[in-house]
């Protein structure tokens, strides 16, 4: 399982898929699901779904396909490119980053976010973070016309240049681990579900536009009206020198569940998980002897924040894998945590039977 998860993760990390432009990622997943003999559906927004019949509460298990990045705002006469930020891209980490501009017809174009020459940088500039609107991309073309001929237009999607590499023991670093690791786990779950003979009715969904203010999962949840929603995404690791005060979630020490999330900047939303689901995953982790870490944090949220409000309300929980350096061009996860997350989900899904109660009075 670990080797499959690693291979799937690395393949997914190398596929560019900005929010709203997830087609290449979806085609890869669609092909993999077809190899399992599974039928899929794609809705108007681009969400990909495969469903499994069963008994008991209806479950929606989902991970998002998209990644954050930029869109082209303007092409200058001298061929430099200005961009708008799409998603929570950290401005302090942008200069000197390699990027990839996606071209609809023709090869994608590599470039870099320029950084002012050090020898011309003033003392005060050395300690300033440049707003993204002051930055520009250099693709090595001499003028506006050459850039246009390369297939780049206003609105063209831009992502950090896809890359992945292994570090240490069983750890993977690179772009878009958020949330291609979640997609890799969901794909491994699909392999298991394709062989099962019983279990709950389940919709496995690969969603779009999570990084663009959480837009993809809500419409499909409104259509499915699940009883239970389980979101697979990163859980912020706090085992680096700069994160110790934020919690106690460590890479390589097992999957994690969120007990509280709240986005206190702009989007006032978050998730407090359903107690029956918390108990389900805690009990499953004990029985299977899979360590389950706990997280409570402010400053981030997932699609689940809106999915939980569908219909009469959906019993919801965020599960995930510890990840370092979120939303940077190089993120890090541990493959053993992905294995544990997969095994935990399989075990818990087996316990969601027709008698599984979501009532609050019992």
Protein backbone atom coordinates (compact mmCIF):
# COMPACT_ATOMS: atom_id res chain seq x y z
CA UNK A 1 0.00 0.00 0.00
CA UNK A 2 2.77 2.44 0.89
CA UNK A 3 4.44 2.05 -2.49
CA UNK A 4 1.14 2.58 -4.34
CA UNK A 5 0.39 5.66 -2.29
CA UNK A 6 3.84 7.05 -3.00
CA UNK A 7 3.57 6.41 -6.73
CA UNK A 8 0.08 7.90 -6.96
CA UNK A 9 1.09 10.93 -4.89
CA UNK A 10 4.16 11.68 -7.01
CA UNK A 11 2.19 11.31 -10.25
CA UNK A 12 -0.52 13.63 -8.95
CA UNK A 13 1.99 16.22 -7.70
CA UNK A 14 3.46 16.46 -11.19
CA UNK A 15 0.11 17.28 -12.79
CA UNK A 16 -0.72 21.01 -12.75
CA UNK A 17 -4.28 21.83 -11.69
CA UNK A 18 -5.01 25.39 -10.62
CA UNK A 19 -8.44 26.05 -9.10
CA UNK A 20 -10.90 26.13 -11.97
CA UNK A 21 -8.42 24.32 -14.24
CA UNK A 22 -8.39 20.84 -12.72
CA UNK A 23 -9.05 18.97 -15.99
CA UNK A 24 -5.65 17.26 -16.21
CA UNK A 25 -5.88 15.99 -12.63
CA UNK A 26 -9.44 14.79 -13.19
CA UNK A 27 -8.47 12.92 -16.37
CA UNK A 28 -5.72 11.08 -14.49
CA UNK A 29 -8.07 10.07 -11.66
CA UNK A 30 -10.84 9.14 -14.08
CA UNK A 31 -8.47 6.80 -15.90
CA UNK A 32 -7.30 5.19 -12.64
CA UNK A 33 -10.88 4.66 -11.48
CA UNK A 34 -11.81 3.16 -14.85
CA UNK A 35 -8.98 0.64 -14.46
CA UNK A 36 -10.76 -0.49 -11.29
CA UNK A 37 -13.96 -1.01 -13.25
CA UNK A 38 -15.62 1.98 -11.61
CA UNK A 39 -18.01 4.30 -13.40
CA UNK A 40 -17.60 8.02 -12.80
CA UNK A 41 -19.64 11.18 -13.22
CA UNK A 42 -18.44 14.74 -13.68
CA UNK A 43 -20.73 17.64 -12.85
CA UNK A 44 -20.82 21.07 -14.46
CA UNK A 45 -18.22 22.52 -12.12
CA UNK A 46 -15.83 19.63 -12.75
CA UNK A 47 -16.25 17.58 -9.56
CA UNK A 48 -15.51 13.90 -10.22
CA UNK A 49 -17.54 11.25 -8.41
CA UNK A 50 -17.82 7.50 -8.20
CA UNK A 51 -20.52 5.87 -6.08
CA UNK A 52 -20.87 2.59 -4.19
CA UNK A 53 -24.23 1.13 -3.22
CA UNK A 54 -24.82 -0.05 0.31
CA UNK A 55 -26.94 0.14 3.44
CA UNK A 56 -27.04 2.53 6.34
CA UNK A 57 -26.23 6.24 6.45
CA UNK A 58 -25.07 7.81 3.19
CA UNK A 59 -21.43 8.94 3.27
CA UNK A 60 -19.70 11.59 1.15
CA UNK A 61 -15.93 11.12 1.32
CA UNK A 62 -13.99 13.78 -0.55
CA UNK A 63 -10.65 15.43 -1.30
CA UNK A 64 -9.91 18.41 -3.53
CA UNK A 65 -8.02 18.18 -6.81
CA UNK A 66 -7.05 21.83 -7.21
CA UNK A 67 -4.01 23.79 -6.11
CA UNK A 68 -3.39 27.46 -5.49
CA UNK A 69 -1.45 29.73 -7.83
CA UNK A 70 -2.05 32.73 -10.06
CA UNK A 71 -3.77 33.96 -13.20
CA UNK A 72 -2.20 36.31 -15.74
CA UNK A 73 -3.40 39.88 -15.21
CA UNK A 74 -1.37 41.76 -17.82
CA UNK A 75 1.34 41.18 -20.41
CA UNK A 76 3.75 44.10 -20.60
CA UNK A 77 5.17 45.43 -23.88
CA UNK A 78 8.60 44.08 -22.94
CA UNK A 79 7.22 40.57 -22.38
CA UNK A 80 7.10 40.51 -18.60
CA UNK A 81 3.91 39.14 -17.06
CA UNK A 82 1.88 40.46 -14.13
CA UNK A 83 -0.43 38.14 -12.20
CA UNK A 84 -3.32 37.99 -9.75
CA UNK A 85 -3.02 35.64 -6.80
CA UNK A 86 -5.50 32.74 -6.65
CA UNK A 87 -5.82 31.26 -3.18
CA UNK A 88 -3.73 31.84 -0.08
CA UNK A 89 -0.33 32.15 -1.72
CA UNK A 90 2.29 33.40 0.80
CA UNK A 91 3.84 36.56 -0.63
CA UNK A 92 7.03 36.27 1.39
CA UNK A 93 7.95 33.06 -0.45
CA UNK A 94 7.37 34.20 -4.04
CA UNK A 95 10.52 35.87 -5.46
CA UNK A 96 12.84 33.49 -7.36
CA UNK A 97 10.21 30.74 -7.56
CA UNK A 98 9.96 28.73 -10.76
CA UNK A 99 6.46 28.74 -12.26
CA UNK A 100 4.59 27.04 -15.07
CA UNK A 101 2.08 28.91 -17.23
CA UNK A 102 -0.54 26.53 -18.60
CA UNK A 103 -1.28 26.86 -22.29
CA UNK A 104 -4.48 25.52 -23.80
CA UNK A 105 -2.99 24.65 -27.19
CA UNK A 106 0.72 24.02 -27.28
CA UNK A 107 3.41 23.36 -24.68
CA UNK A 108 3.21 24.94 -21.25
CA UNK A 109 5.65 27.79 -20.66
CA UNK A 110 8.20 27.78 -17.86
CA UNK A 111 9.20 31.00 -16.16
CA UNK A 112 10.26 32.53 -12.88
CA UNK A 113 9.00 35.15 -10.49
CA UNK A 114 11.69 37.80 -10.70
CA UNK A 115 13.74 38.90 -7.71
CA UNK A 116 15.56 42.25 -7.84
CA UNK A 117 19.31 41.75 -8.22
CA UNK A 118 20.93 41.62 -4.81
CA UNK A 119 23.68 44.05 -5.85
CA UNK A 120 21.02 46.68 -6.56
CA UNK A 121 18.94 46.06 -3.44
CA UNK A 122 18.92 48.82 -0.83
CA UNK A 123 19.35 48.08 2.85
CA UNK A 124 15.66 48.67 3.57
CA UNK A 125 14.52 46.53 0.62
CA UNK A 126 16.39 43.51 1.98
CA UNK A 127 13.84 43.17 4.77
CA UNK A 128 10.67 43.99 2.86
CA UNK A 129 8.07 41.57 1.55
CA UNK A 130 6.95 42.69 -1.89
CA UNK A 131 3.18 42.58 -2.51
CA UNK A 132 2.34 40.11 -5.25
CA UNK A 133 1.01 42.92 -7.46
CA UNK A 134 4.53 44.39 -7.58
CA UNK A 135 6.05 41.11 -8.77
CA UNK A 136 6.38 39.94 -12.36
CA UNK A 137 7.14 36.74 -14.23
CA UNK A 138 10.01 36.41 -16.69
CA UNK A 139 9.46 33.75 -19.37
CA UNK A 140 12.51 34.74 -21.43
CA UNK A 141 10.53 36.16 -24.34
CA UNK A 142 11.42 39.60 -25.64
CA UNK A 143 8.07 41.32 -26.10
CA UNK A 144 4.27 41.22 -25.94
CA UNK A 145 3.93 39.56 -29.35
CA UNK A 146 6.27 36.68 -28.51
CA UNK A 147 4.39 36.01 -25.28
CA UNK A 148 1.08 35.95 -27.12
CA UNK A 149 2.50 33.61 -29.78
CA UNK A 150 3.50 31.23 -26.99
CA UNK A 151 -0.20 30.91 -26.13
CA UNK A 152 -0.20 33.08 -23.00
CA UNK A 153 -3.18 35.38 -22.51
CA UNK A 154 -4.81 37.41 -19.79
CA UNK A 155 -6.47 34.79 -17.58
CA UNK A 156 -3.93 32.03 -18.31
CA UNK A 157 -3.42 29.84 -15.22
CA UNK A 158 -0.05 29.83 -13.46
CA UNK A 159 1.20 27.34 -10.84
CA UNK A 160 4.43 26.69 -9.01
CA UNK A 161 6.50 24.48 -11.32
CA UNK A 162 5.49 20.90 -10.40
CA UNK A 163 8.17 18.95 -8.59
CA UNK A 164 8.52 16.14 -6.10
CA UNK A 165 11.40 14.44 -4.34
CA UNK A 166 11.95 12.13 -1.40
CA UNK A 167 13.71 13.27 1.76
CA UNK A 168 14.73 11.36 4.87
CA UNK A 169 12.84 8.11 5.40
CA UNK A 170 9.41 7.76 3.74
CA UNK A 171 8.91 11.50 3.35
CA UNK A 172 7.92 13.32 0.19
CA UNK A 173 8.49 17.00 -0.54
CA UNK A 174 7.20 19.10 -3.41
CA UNK A 175 4.31 21.04 -4.85
CA UNK A 176 0.58 20.58 -4.16
CA UNK A 177 0.79 17.87 -1.51
CA UNK A 178 -2.25 19.89 -0.43
CA UNK A 179 -4.35 18.08 -1.49
CA UNK A 180 -2.91 15.55 -3.91
CA UNK A 181 -2.02 13.41 -0.89
CA UNK A 182 -5.72 13.43 0.01
CA UNK A 183 -6.53 12.41 -3.57
CA UNK A 184 -3.99 9.57 -3.40
CA UNK A 185 -5.61 8.29 -0.20
CA UNK A 186 -9.08 8.56 -1.77
CA UNK A 187 -7.85 6.60 -4.78
CA UNK A 188 -6.51 3.87 -2.50
CA UNK A 189 -9.88 3.80 -0.72
CA UNK A 190 -11.52 3.32 -4.13
CA UNK A 191 -9.34 0.26 -4.73
CA UNK A 192 -10.64 -1.23 -1.49
CA UNK A 193 -14.27 -0.28 -2.12
CA UNK A 194 -14.20 -1.78 -5.60
CA UNK A 195 -13.80 -5.22 -3.98
CA UNK A 196 -16.14 -4.88 -0.99
CA UNK A 197 -19.36 -6.85 -0.63
CA UNK A 198 -21.08 -4.75 2.03
CA UNK A 199 -20.91 -1.37 3.72
CA UNK A 200 -22.63 2.02 3.70
CA UNK A 201 -23.80 3.83 0.61
CA UNK A 202 -20.79 5.95 -0.28
CA UNK A 203 -20.00 8.72 -2.74
CA UNK A 204 -16.28 9.22 -3.31
CA UNK A 205 -15.77 12.74 -4.67
CA UNK A 206 -12.74 14.58 -6.02
CA UNK A 207 -13.71 18.23 -5.78
CA UNK A 208 -12.70 21.45 -7.53
CA UNK A 209 -12.02 25.04 -6.48
CA UNK A 210 -11.37 24.41 -2.80
CA UNK A 211 -8.53 26.92 -2.86
CA UNK A 212 -10.84 29.51 -4.46
CA UNK A 213 -12.94 30.14 -1.38
CA UNK A 214 -14.29 26.59 -1.07
CA UNK A 215 -16.63 26.54 -4.07
CA UNK A 216 -16.58 23.00 -5.46
CA UNK A 217 -17.94 20.65 -2.83
CA UNK A 218 -21.07 22.59 -1.88
CA UNK A 219 -23.10 22.10 -5.09
CA UNK A 220 -22.42 18.37 -5.24
CA UNK A 221 -23.27 18.00 -1.55
CA UNK A 222 -26.54 19.84 -2.18
CA UNK A 223 -27.28 17.27 -4.86
CA UNK A 224 -26.27 14.20 -2.85
CA UNK A 225 -27.64 15.26 0.57
CA UNK A 226 -25.37 12.86 2.50
CA UNK A 227 -25.89 11.94 6.14
CA UNK A 228 -22.14 11.96 6.81
CA UNK A 229 -19.36 14.00 5.21
CA UNK A 230 -15.67 13.19 5.66
CA UNK A 231 -13.12 15.62 4.23
CA UNK A 232 -9.55 14.45 3.51
CA UNK A 233 -6.99 17.24 3.60
CA UNK A 234 -3.84 18.38 5.32
CA UNK A 235 -3.61 18.90 9.05
CA UNK A 236 -0.97 21.49 9.95
CA UNK A 237 2.10 19.82 11.43
CA UNK A 238 3.45 21.69 14.44
CA UNK A 239 6.76 19.88 14.84
CA UNK A 240 9.04 22.59 13.39
CA UNK A 241 10.77 25.33 15.42
CA UNK A 242 8.31 28.01 14.29
CA UNK A 243 5.11 26.03 14.93
CA UNK A 244 5.50 24.55 18.40
CA UNK A 245 2.97 26.83 20.06
CA UNK A 246 0.24 25.97 17.53
CA UNK A 247 -0.42 22.42 18.70
CA UNK A 248 1.01 18.93 18.95
CA UNK A 249 0.75 17.31 15.50
CA UNK A 250 3.87 15.56 14.27
CA UNK A 251 4.95 14.14 10.93
CA UNK A 252 5.24 10.36 10.96
CA UNK A 253 3.14 9.85 14.10
CA UNK A 254 -0.11 8.93 12.40
CA UNK A 255 -3.13 10.56 10.77
CA UNK A 256 -4.95 13.37 12.51
CA UNK A 257 -8.48 14.62 13.02
CA UNK A 258 -9.56 18.18 13.53
CA UNK A 259 -11.59 18.89 16.67
CA UNK A 260 -11.97 22.58 15.88
CA UNK A 261 -11.26 24.82 12.90
CA UNK A 262 -12.12 28.46 12.42
CA UNK A 263 -11.07 30.92 9.73
CA UNK A 264 -10.99 34.19 11.60
CA UNK A 265 -9.78 36.31 8.68
CA UNK A 266 -12.51 37.29 6.24
CA UNK A 267 -14.39 34.01 5.96
CA UNK A 268 -15.98 33.50 9.36
CA UNK A 269 -16.57 29.78 9.19
CA UNK A 270 -15.21 26.51 10.50
CA UNK A 271 -16.08 23.02 11.71
CA UNK A 272 -16.77 21.43 15.08
CA UNK A 273 -17.02 17.72 14.23
CA UNK A 274 -20.01 15.54 15.05
CA UNK A 275 -19.32 13.71 18.35
CA UNK A 276 -20.47 10.35 16.98
CA UNK A 277 -17.87 10.59 14.22
CA UNK A 278 -15.16 11.61 16.68
CA UNK A 279 -16.03 8.55 18.76
CA UNK A 280 -16.11 6.35 15.65
CA UNK A 281 -12.60 7.26 14.58
CA UNK A 282 -11.19 7.19 18.10
CA UNK A 283 -12.59 3.70 18.68
CA UNK A 284 -11.39 2.48 15.29
CA UNK A 285 -7.89 3.83 15.92
CA UNK A 286 -7.73 1.99 19.25
CA UNK A 287 -8.95 -1.29 17.78
CA UNK A 288 -6.56 -1.13 14.82
CA UNK A 289 -3.71 0.30 16.92
CA UNK A 290 -3.31 3.25 14.56
CA UNK A 291 -2.13 6.42 16.32
CA UNK A 292 -4.65 9.24 15.81
CA UNK A 293 -3.45 12.77 16.46
CA UNK A 294 -5.73 15.65 17.43
CA UNK A 295 -5.75 19.17 16.06
CA UNK A 296 -7.53 22.41 16.96
CA UNK A 297 -6.59 25.52 15.04
CA UNK A 298 -7.63 28.93 13.80
CA UNK A 299 -6.70 30.53 10.49
CA UNK A 300 -7.74 27.77 8.09
CA UNK A 301 -10.80 25.89 6.94
CA UNK A 302 -11.92 23.35 4.34
CA UNK A 303 -14.88 22.66 2.05
CA UNK A 304 -16.49 20.90 4.99
CA UNK A 305 -17.30 24.28 6.54
CA UNK A 306 -20.07 24.67 3.96
CA UNK A 307 -20.93 21.03 3.27
CA UNK A 308 -22.03 20.62 6.91
CA UNK A 309 -24.83 23.16 6.34
CA UNK A 310 -26.54 21.30 3.49
CA UNK A 311 -30.14 20.08 3.87
CA UNK A 312 -31.04 19.35 7.48
CA UNK A 313 -27.36 19.44 8.40
CA UNK A 314 -24.62 16.88 7.71
CA UNK A 315 -22.64 15.04 10.39
CA UNK A 316 -19.12 16.09 9.46
CA UNK A 317 -15.48 15.59 10.33
CA UNK A 318 -12.10 16.67 8.91
CA UNK A 319 -9.52 13.88 8.75
CA UNK A 320 -6.08 14.30 7.33
CA UNK A 321 -2.36 13.83 7.16
CA UNK A 322 0.14 16.04 8.99
CA UNK A 323 1.90 18.37 6.54
CA UNK A 324 4.65 20.95 6.91
CA UNK A 325 4.96 24.31 5.12
CA UNK A 326 1.38 24.62 3.87
CA UNK A 327 0.72 26.70 0.75
CA UNK A 328 4.42 27.11 -0.02
CA UNK A 329 6.00 25.82 -3.23
CA UNK A 330 7.53 22.91 -1.30
CA UNK A 331 5.36 21.05 1.20
CA UNK A 332 6.28 17.89 3.12
CA UNK A 333 4.33 14.82 4.24
CA UNK A 334 5.12 11.34 5.56
CA UNK A 335 3.97 8.28 3.63
CA UNK A 336 3.35 6.31 6.82
CA UNK A 337 0.72 8.86 7.83
CA UNK A 338 -1.02 8.30 4.49
CA UNK A 339 -1.01 4.54 5.08
CA UNK A 340 -2.44 5.02 8.56
CA UNK A 341 -5.12 7.39 7.28
CA UNK A 342 -6.17 4.90 4.61
CA UNK A 343 -6.36 2.01 7.06
CA UNK A 344 -8.26 4.11 9.59
CA UNK A 345 -10.85 5.12 7.00
CA UNK A 346 -11.37 1.57 5.78
CA UNK A 347 -11.85 0.37 9.35
CA UNK A 348 -14.26 3.16 10.26
CA UNK A 349 -16.35 2.80 7.10
CA UNK A 350 -16.91 -0.86 7.98
CA UNK A 351 -18.55 0.30 11.22
CA UNK A 352 -21.08 2.58 9.53
CA UNK A 353 -23.92 0.05 9.41
CA UNK A 354 -27.71 0.50 9.21
CA UNK A 355 -27.76 0.75 13.00
CA UNK A 356 -25.15 3.51 13.18
CA UNK A 357 -26.86 6.38 15.01
CA UNK A 358 -26.17 10.06 14.43
CA UNK A 359 -28.70 11.13 17.04
CA UNK A 360 -27.64 13.64 19.67
CA UNK A 361 -29.88 12.29 22.43
CA UNK A 362 -28.21 8.91 22.80
